[in-house]
Amino acid sequence: MAIIDVVKYEANGNEFVFKFPSQDLRIGTQLVVGVAQVAFFVKGGKIFDQFETGTHTLKSENLPFLNKVINLPFGGSSPFQAEVWYINLISKLDVKWGTSTPIQLEDPKYGIIIPVRAYGQYGFRIIDSRKFLETLVGNMHIFSVEKINEYFKGKILSSLTSIISAKLVTDNISILEINTLLEELSNSAIDRLNTEFIKFGIEVINFYFISINVPEEDSSLIKIKEAKATAAKIQIMGKDVYQMDRSFNVLDKAAENGSGIAGNLMGAGMGIGLGVGLGNQMNNLSGNLNTNIPPTLSPVQTFFVIIDNQEKGPFDLNKIKELIIKKIVTKETLVWNSGMPNWEIANKHPEFENIFKSVPPPLPK
């Protein structure tokens, strides 16, 4: 192979590492390091001399560490072999991220588990090129934005799950309100992610949540919206007026069905006693209005289960009982819900004790 006289790298915005394709160099070769680049000489898998932006004529004096290994000649144009690695130091600001599958979170206001999706973008730059090359790149000749994003995807998503969950619980807000806090969540994400990225010589310089949402057709979201609509109606109308409105709705339905309540009211309203009779009926209803108030949504306890080495659910206890009867879920099946720190076998969880007791044993052989 011919001796290389000029070594340079024409960088692009999506590559952060480039290994020059030839190792055949000589004393006097020109090494060109562009703006926002740094170059390293590598021999036998070890990093030696480093060169910053500029044009450098290679000689034994400016390769002191490599010189100790291969004994470069002084002067002349003698050939030698070494790898040249370039690191691109530009800031990449438009890397997209998103949840490929929904994150299962519990809404603290309504106690309902909901599937949450989120997406946005972030930016990063390499701040310690030697550490980046040593710890992350290895022997890969090219290291792209996609590779960095793929490598850190799991860390990003686990951090975001923790950030969103903590915010919901700490501020006691519903997932329906979370989009008002996107900027605050974004700032928290930068601090949390940098604790991991900096270990590899990379710094997160911006991070944005663009949207956090739940699929509109999801049943859990529909339940939350119904509960919120009821709460808003009570707040606007006042509790007493809302109760009265509910009572009239009951009377309307009773009249349509020809029930005794409607007949009693009609009889009480005949003649001179119309006002007194109707007033008594309304007072009697008012005394029992609490029975007409829609009950507060109580949390439906649901569990995820491992079936055929795959996560399934969430299922409520009725559904899990069906699976136990069908022998799909057994006492050794792993289960988890939002109140458990780790997966446990079903037999150890008190919620399933009575269910297993109620299921008949296998038929005798």
Protein backbone atom coordinates (compact mmCIF):
# COMPACT_ATOMS: atom_id res chain seq x y z
CA MET A 1 0.00 0.00 0.00
CA ALA A 2 1.26 3.50 -0.85
CA ILE A 3 2.53 5.77 1.88
CA ILE A 4 -0.11 8.39 2.85
CA ASP A 5 1.01 12.00 2.57
CA VAL A 6 -2.17 13.72 3.87
CA VAL A 7 -4.51 12.46 6.58
CA LYS A 8 -7.84 14.24 7.04
CA TYR A 9 -11.49 13.63 7.80
CA GLU A 10 -14.44 15.34 6.09
CA ALA A 11 -16.91 15.19 8.98
CA ASN A 12 -20.70 15.16 8.72
CA GLY A 13 -23.36 15.89 11.32
CA ASN A 14 -24.29 12.26 11.97
CA GLU A 15 -20.88 10.66 12.60
CA PHE A 16 -18.88 11.17 15.78
CA VAL A 17 -16.00 8.77 15.21
CA PHE A 18 -13.94 8.04 12.11
CA LYS A 19 -10.93 5.76 11.73
CA PHE A 20 -8.65 6.76 8.85
CA PRO A 21 -8.58 3.78 6.44
CA SER A 22 -4.76 3.49 6.18
CA GLN A 23 -2.03 2.98 8.78
CA ASP A 24 0.88 3.53 6.37
CA LEU A 25 2.32 6.90 7.34
CA ARG A 26 5.73 8.55 7.23
CA ILE A 27 7.66 11.27 8.94
CA GLY A 28 6.52 14.41 7.12
CA THR A 29 2.90 13.32 6.52
CA GLN A 30 0.41 16.18 6.89
CA LEU A 31 -2.29 15.59 9.54
CA VAL A 32 -5.28 17.90 9.06
CA VAL A 33 -7.64 18.30 12.01
CA GLY A 34 -10.73 20.33 11.18
CA VAL A 35 -12.74 22.72 13.34
CA ALA A 36 -14.56 20.88 16.15
CA GLN A 37 -12.38 17.80 15.66
CA VAL A 38 -9.66 16.05 17.62
CA ALA A 39 -7.34 13.31 16.32
CA PHE A 40 -5.64 10.49 18.22
CA PHE A 41 -2.81 8.14 17.28
CA VAL A 42 -3.51 4.58 18.34
CA LYS A 43 -1.13 1.64 18.35
CA GLY A 44 -1.90 -1.88 19.58
CA GLY A 45 -5.25 -0.78 20.93
CA LYS A 46 -3.71 1.96 23.12
CA ILE A 47 -4.26 5.69 22.68
CA PHE A 48 -1.11 7.79 22.44
CA ASP A 49 -0.71 11.31 21.04
CA GLN A 50 -3.56 13.80 20.60
CA PHE A 51 -3.87 16.61 18.04
CA GLU A 52 -6.24 19.59 18.12
CA THR A 53 -7.60 21.76 15.26
CA GLY A 54 -4.94 22.70 12.68
CA THR A 55 -2.51 21.24 10.13
CA HIS A 56 0.33 19.26 11.67
CA THR A 57 3.48 17.90 10.01
CA LEU A 58 4.26 14.58 11.64
CA LYS A 59 7.69 14.23 13.15
CA SER A 60 9.20 12.46 16.12
CA GLU A 61 9.01 15.63 18.24
CA ASN A 62 5.22 15.95 18.10
CA LEU A 63 4.62 12.21 18.56
CA PRO A 64 6.45 11.77 21.90
CA PHE A 65 4.30 8.97 23.31
CA LEU A 66 4.10 6.97 20.08
CA ASN A 67 7.83 7.51 19.60
CA LYS A 68 8.53 5.62 22.82
CA VAL A 69 6.75 2.57 21.42
CA ILE A 70 8.02 2.38 17.82
CA ASN A 71 11.26 4.43 18.04
CA LEU A 72 10.55 6.92 15.27
CA PRO A 73 13.63 8.14 13.42
CA PHE A 74 14.74 11.72 13.85
CA GLY A 75 14.26 13.67 10.62
CA GLY A 76 14.01 12.15 7.16
CA SER A 77 10.83 10.63 5.77
CA SER A 78 10.96 7.12 7.20
CA PRO A 79 7.68 5.16 7.09
CA PHE A 80 5.84 3.89 10.16
CA GLN A 81 2.44 2.38 10.95
CA ALA A 82 -0.20 3.74 13.34
CA GLU A 83 -3.96 4.19 13.41
CA VAL A 84 -5.46 7.69 13.26
CA TRP A 85 -8.85 8.17 14.91
CA TYR A 86 -10.93 11.33 14.62
CA ILE A 87 -13.57 12.44 17.12
CA ASN A 88 -16.24 14.90 15.97
CA LEU A 89 -16.93 17.53 18.68
CA ILE A 90 -19.98 19.22 17.14
CA SER A 91 -23.22 19.61 19.11
CA LYS A 92 -26.05 17.44 17.86
CA LEU A 93 -29.31 19.12 18.88
CA ASP A 94 -32.16 17.29 17.13
CA VAL A 95 -31.99 13.64 18.23
CA LYS A 96 -35.50 12.20 18.45
CA TRP A 97 -36.65 9.92 21.27
CA GLY A 98 -39.94 8.21 22.02
CA THR A 99 -41.61 5.30 23.81
CA SER A 100 -41.99 2.33 21.47
CA THR A 101 -44.51 0.76 23.86
CA PRO A 102 -46.70 2.51 26.48
CA ILE A 103 -45.38 3.09 30.01
CA GLN A 104 -47.81 1.71 32.62
CA LEU A 105 -48.40 4.40 35.29
CA GLU A 106 -50.97 4.81 38.06
CA ASP A 107 -52.91 8.06 38.07
CA PRO A 108 -52.63 9.24 41.72
CA LYS A 109 -55.89 11.21 41.65
CA TYR A 110 -58.11 8.40 40.38
CA GLY A 111 -56.10 5.26 41.18
CA ILE A 112 -56.35 3.96 37.62
CA ILE A 113 -53.43 2.38 35.75
CA ILE A 114 -52.99 4.05 32.39
CA PRO A 115 -50.75 3.39 29.36
CA VAL A 116 -48.70 6.55 28.76
CA ARG A 117 -46.74 7.43 25.63
CA ALA A 118 -44.17 10.20 25.38
CA TYR A 119 -41.85 11.63 22.75
CA GLY A 120 -39.50 14.55 22.22
CA GLN A 121 -35.92 15.36 21.27
CA TYR A 122 -32.56 16.03 22.90
CA GLY A 123 -29.08 17.29 22.09
CA PHE A 124 -25.60 16.21 23.14
CA ARG A 125 -21.90 16.76 22.51
CA ILE A 126 -18.68 14.94 23.33
CA ILE A 127 -16.81 16.73 26.13
CA ASP A 128 -14.13 14.13 26.86
CA SER A 129 -13.04 12.64 23.55
CA ARG A 130 -10.42 10.30 25.04
CA LYS A 131 -12.93 8.82 27.52
CA PHE A 132 -15.53 8.52 24.75
CA LEU A 133 -13.07 6.63 22.53
CA GLU A 134 -11.87 4.36 25.32
CA THR A 135 -15.20 3.47 26.97
CA LEU A 136 -17.82 3.50 24.24
CA VAL A 137 -16.36 3.19 20.77
CA GLY A 138 -14.05 0.20 21.14
CA ASN A 139 -12.96 -0.96 17.70
CA MET A 140 -15.93 0.37 15.70
CA HIS A 141 -14.57 2.33 12.73
CA ILE A 142 -17.62 4.61 12.56
CA PHE A 143 -19.86 5.62 15.46
CA SER A 144 -23.04 7.46 14.44
CA VAL A 145 -25.81 9.44 16.16
CA GLU A 146 -28.08 6.42 15.72
CA LYS A 147 -25.60 4.21 17.55
CA ILE A 148 -25.38 6.62 20.49
CA ASN A 149 -29.16 6.95 20.62
CA GLU A 150 -29.59 3.17 20.51
CA TYR A 151 -27.00 2.65 23.24
CA PHE A 152 -28.67 5.09 25.67
CA LYS A 153 -32.31 4.37 24.74
CA GLY A 154 -32.95 2.12 27.74
CA LYS A 155 -31.44 4.61 30.17
CA ILE A 156 -33.47 7.47 28.69
CA LEU A 157 -36.78 5.62 28.93
CA SER A 158 -36.20 4.29 32.46
CA SER A 159 -35.24 7.79 33.65
CA LEU A 160 -38.32 9.34 32.04
CA THR A 161 -40.60 6.76 33.64
CA SER A 162 -39.20 7.65 37.07
CA ILE A 163 -39.41 11.40 36.41
CA ILE A 164 -43.03 11.32 35.24
CA SER A 165 -44.16 8.97 38.04
CA ALA A 166 -42.45 11.04 40.73
CA LYS A 167 -44.02 14.26 39.44
CA LEU A 168 -47.51 12.78 39.39
CA VAL A 169 -47.20 11.49 42.95
CA THR A 170 -45.34 14.48 44.44
CA ASP A 171 -47.75 17.08 43.05
CA ASN A 172 -50.81 14.78 43.27
CA ILE A 173 -51.86 15.58 39.73
CA SER A 174 -53.66 13.54 37.11
CA ILE A 175 -52.01 12.44 33.88
CA LEU A 176 -54.51 14.78 32.19
CA GLU A 177 -52.61 17.72 33.69
CA ILE A 178 -49.05 16.56 33.02
CA ASN A 179 -48.61 18.48 29.76
CA THR A 180 -48.66 21.76 31.70
CA LEU A 181 -45.37 20.71 33.32
CA LEU A 182 -43.35 19.70 30.26
CA GLU A 183 -40.70 22.38 30.72
CA GLU A 184 -40.13 21.46 34.36
CA LEU A 185 -39.92 17.76 33.46
CA SER A 186 -37.46 18.56 30.66
CA ASN A 187 -35.10 20.34 33.06
CA SER A 188 -35.23 17.42 35.50
CA ALA A 189 -34.44 14.99 32.70
CA ILE A 190 -31.22 16.82 31.74
CA ASP A 191 -29.80 16.55 35.27
CA ARG A 192 -30.75 12.89 35.66
CA LEU A 193 -29.47 11.78 32.24
CA ASN A 194 -26.15 13.59 32.56
CA THR A 195 -25.20 11.44 35.53
CA GLU A 196 -25.10 8.52 33.08
CA PHE A 197 -23.92 10.19 29.86
CA ILE A 198 -20.90 11.92 31.43
CA LYS A 199 -19.48 8.54 32.42
CA PHE A 200 -18.80 8.05 28.70
CA GLY A 201 -17.51 11.54 27.93
CA ILE A 202 -20.85 12.82 26.58
CA GLU A 203 -22.92 15.74 27.87
CA VAL A 204 -26.67 16.22 27.35
CA ILE A 205 -27.05 19.91 26.51
CA ASN A 206 -30.81 20.04 25.98
CA PHE A 207 -33.77 17.73 26.49
CA TYR A 208 -37.41 18.33 25.58
CA PHE A 209 -40.69 16.58 26.20
CA ILE A 210 -42.84 17.44 23.19
CA SER A 211 -45.87 15.45 24.33
CA ILE A 212 -47.03 13.03 27.02
CA ASN A 213 -50.33 11.38 26.14
CA VAL A 214 -52.67 8.43 26.48
CA PRO A 215 -54.48 6.94 23.43
CA GLU A 216 -57.91 8.60 23.26
CA GLU A 217 -59.72 5.29 22.79
CA ASP A 218 -58.17 3.70 25.88
CA SER A 219 -60.80 2.69 28.46
CA SER A 220 -58.73 3.96 31.41
CA LEU A 221 -58.56 7.45 29.90
CA ILE A 222 -62.32 7.44 29.31
CA LYS A 223 -62.93 6.59 32.98
CA ILE A 224 -60.65 9.39 34.15
CA LYS A 225 -62.35 11.94 31.88
CA GLU A 226 -65.79 10.89 33.14
CA ALA A 227 -64.66 11.26 36.75
CA LYS A 228 -63.10 14.66 36.02
CA ALA A 229 -66.27 15.85 34.26
CA THR A 230 -68.38 14.87 37.30
CA ALA A 231 -66.01 16.65 39.68
CA ALA A 232 -66.08 19.79 37.51
CA LYS A 233 -69.89 19.76 37.40
CA ILE A 234 -70.11 19.56 41.20
CA GLN A 235 -67.61 22.40 41.56
CA ILE A 236 -69.47 24.66 39.11
CA MET A 237 -73.03 23.96 40.28
CA GLY A 238 -72.31 23.47 43.98
CA LYS A 239 -73.01 20.26 45.86
CA ASP A 240 -76.62 21.08 46.78
CA VAL A 241 -77.65 22.15 43.27
CA TYR A 242 -75.89 19.14 41.78
CA GLN A 243 -77.76 16.83 44.16
CA MET A 244 -81.05 18.48 43.22
CA ASP A 245 -80.27 18.10 39.53
CA ARG A 246 -79.56 14.42 40.08
CA SER A 247 -82.86 14.08 41.94
CA PHE A 248 -84.84 15.57 39.06
CA ASN A 249 -83.11 13.17 36.71
CA VAL A 250 -84.30 10.32 38.91
CA LEU A 251 -87.85 11.68 38.88
CA ASP A 252 -87.80 12.05 35.10
CA LYS A 253 -86.77 8.45 34.68
CA ALA A 254 -89.34 7.30 37.20
CA ALA A 255 -92.08 9.17 35.33
CA GLU A 256 -91.03 7.55 32.06
CA ASN A 257 -91.24 4.13 33.71
CA GLY A 258 -94.55 4.89 35.48
CA SER A 259 -93.07 4.19 38.92
CA GLY A 260 -94.73 4.87 42.28
CA ILE A 261 -92.55 7.91 43.03
CA ALA A 262 -93.98 9.82 40.10
CA GLY A 263 -97.53 8.76 41.01
CA ASN A 264 -97.10 9.90 44.61
CA LEU A 265 -95.82 13.28 43.52
CA MET A 266 -98.70 13.77 41.11
CA GLY A 267 -101.23 12.83 43.78
CA ALA A 268 -99.60 15.12 46.31
CA GLY A 269 -99.77 18.04 43.89
CA MET A 270 -103.58 17.90 43.35
CA GLY A 271 -105.80 20.74 44.61
CA ILE A 272 -104.91 23.22 47.36
CA GLY A 273 -102.11 20.97 48.76
CA LEU A 274 -100.01 21.17 45.59
CA GLY A 275 -97.18 23.30 47.04
CA VAL A 276 -97.16 21.55 50.42
CA GLY A 277 -97.17 18.08 48.89
CA LEU A 278 -94.42 18.82 46.41
CA GLY A 279 -92.34 20.49 49.10
CA ASN A 280 -92.65 17.45 51.38
CA GLN A 281 -91.68 15.13 48.58
CA MET A 282 -88.61 17.23 47.76
CA ASN A 283 -87.62 17.39 51.43
CA ASN A 284 -87.86 13.62 51.66
CA LEU A 285 -85.71 13.29 48.56
CA SER A 286 -83.19 15.79 49.89
CA GLY A 287 -82.77 13.69 52.99
CA ASN A 288 -81.65 10.78 50.81
CA LEU A 289 -79.77 12.70 48.15
CA ASN A 290 -76.45 11.14 49.07
CA THR A 291 -77.66 7.89 47.57
CA ASN A 292 -77.89 9.64 44.21
CA ILE A 293 -74.35 11.01 44.22
CA PRO A 294 -72.13 9.01 41.89
CA PRO A 295 -69.63 7.09 43.99
CA THR A 296 -66.00 8.11 43.89
CA LEU A 297 -64.05 5.90 41.55
CA SER A 298 -62.24 3.35 43.69
CA PRO A 299 -58.97 1.98 42.43
CA VAL A 300 -59.36 -1.24 40.43
CA GLN A 301 -56.50 -3.47 41.49
CA THR A 302 -54.80 -4.91 38.44
CA PHE A 303 -51.76 -7.08 37.93
CA PHE A 304 -49.26 -7.85 35.20
CA VAL A 305 -48.34 -11.52 34.80
CA ILE A 306 -45.58 -13.44 33.00
CA ILE A 307 -47.07 -15.98 30.58
CA ASP A 308 -44.81 -17.92 28.21
CA ASN A 309 -41.90 -15.63 29.20
CA GLN A 310 -43.85 -12.55 28.10
CA GLU A 311 -45.39 -9.73 30.13
CA LYS A 312 -49.22 -9.75 29.87
CA GLY A 313 -51.86 -7.47 31.33
CA PRO A 314 -52.83 -5.56 33.25
CA PHE A 315 -55.64 -7.94 34.40
CA ASP A 316 -58.11 -7.45 37.21
CA LEU A 317 -58.68 -10.21 39.77
CA ASN A 318 -61.73 -11.59 37.93
CA LYS A 319 -59.71 -12.05 34.76
CA ILE A 320 -56.81 -13.62 36.69
CA LYS A 321 -59.28 -16.06 38.30
CA GLU A 322 -60.34 -17.14 34.79
CA LEU A 323 -56.68 -17.69 33.88
CA ILE A 324 -56.12 -19.72 37.07
CA ILE A 325 -59.15 -21.91 36.30
CA LYS A 326 -57.78 -22.48 32.78
CA LYS A 327 -54.36 -23.40 34.32
CA ILE A 328 -52.73 -20.55 32.39
CA VAL A 329 -51.75 -18.82 35.65
CA THR A 330 -50.37 -21.11 38.35
CA LYS A 331 -49.04 -20.66 41.87
CA GLU A 332 -45.53 -20.26 40.41
CA THR A 333 -46.49 -17.56 37.87
CA LEU A 334 -44.71 -14.22 38.39
CA VAL A 335 -47.05 -11.27 39.08
CA TRP A 336 -46.57 -7.52 39.68
CA ASN A 337 -48.57 -4.33 40.21
CA SER A 338 -47.69 -0.72 41.00
CA GLY A 339 -47.62 -1.34 44.75
CA MET A 340 -44.96 -4.06 44.57
CA PRO A 341 -41.21 -3.36 44.44
CA ASN A 342 -40.43 -6.54 42.46
CA TRP A 343 -42.07 -9.46 40.65
CA GLU A 344 -43.32 -12.20 42.99
CA ILE A 345 -44.75 -15.66 42.44
CA ALA A 346 -48.53 -15.61 42.67
CA ASN A 347 -48.63 -18.09 45.56
CA LYS A 348 -46.85 -15.57 47.83
CA HIS A 349 -49.27 -12.73 47.16
CA PRO A 350 -52.26 -12.49 49.57
CA GLU A 351 -54.62 -11.32 46.81
CA PHE A 352 -54.45 -14.74 45.13
CA GLU A 353 -54.65 -16.97 48.24
CA ASN A 354 -58.45 -17.28 48.25
CA ILE A 355 -58.56 -17.65 44.48
CA PHE A 356 -56.23 -20.66 44.50
CA LYS A 357 -58.22 -22.16 47.39
CA SER A 358 -61.47 -21.81 45.43
CA VAL A 359 -60.14 -23.53 42.29
CA PRO A 360 -60.63 -27.34 42.27
CA PRO A 361 -57.48 -29.44 42.20
CA PRO A 362 -56.65 -31.56 39.13
CA LEU A 363 -58.79 -34.70 38.66
CA PRO A 364 -57.28 -37.84 40.21
CA LYS A 365 -55.56 -40.15 37.74
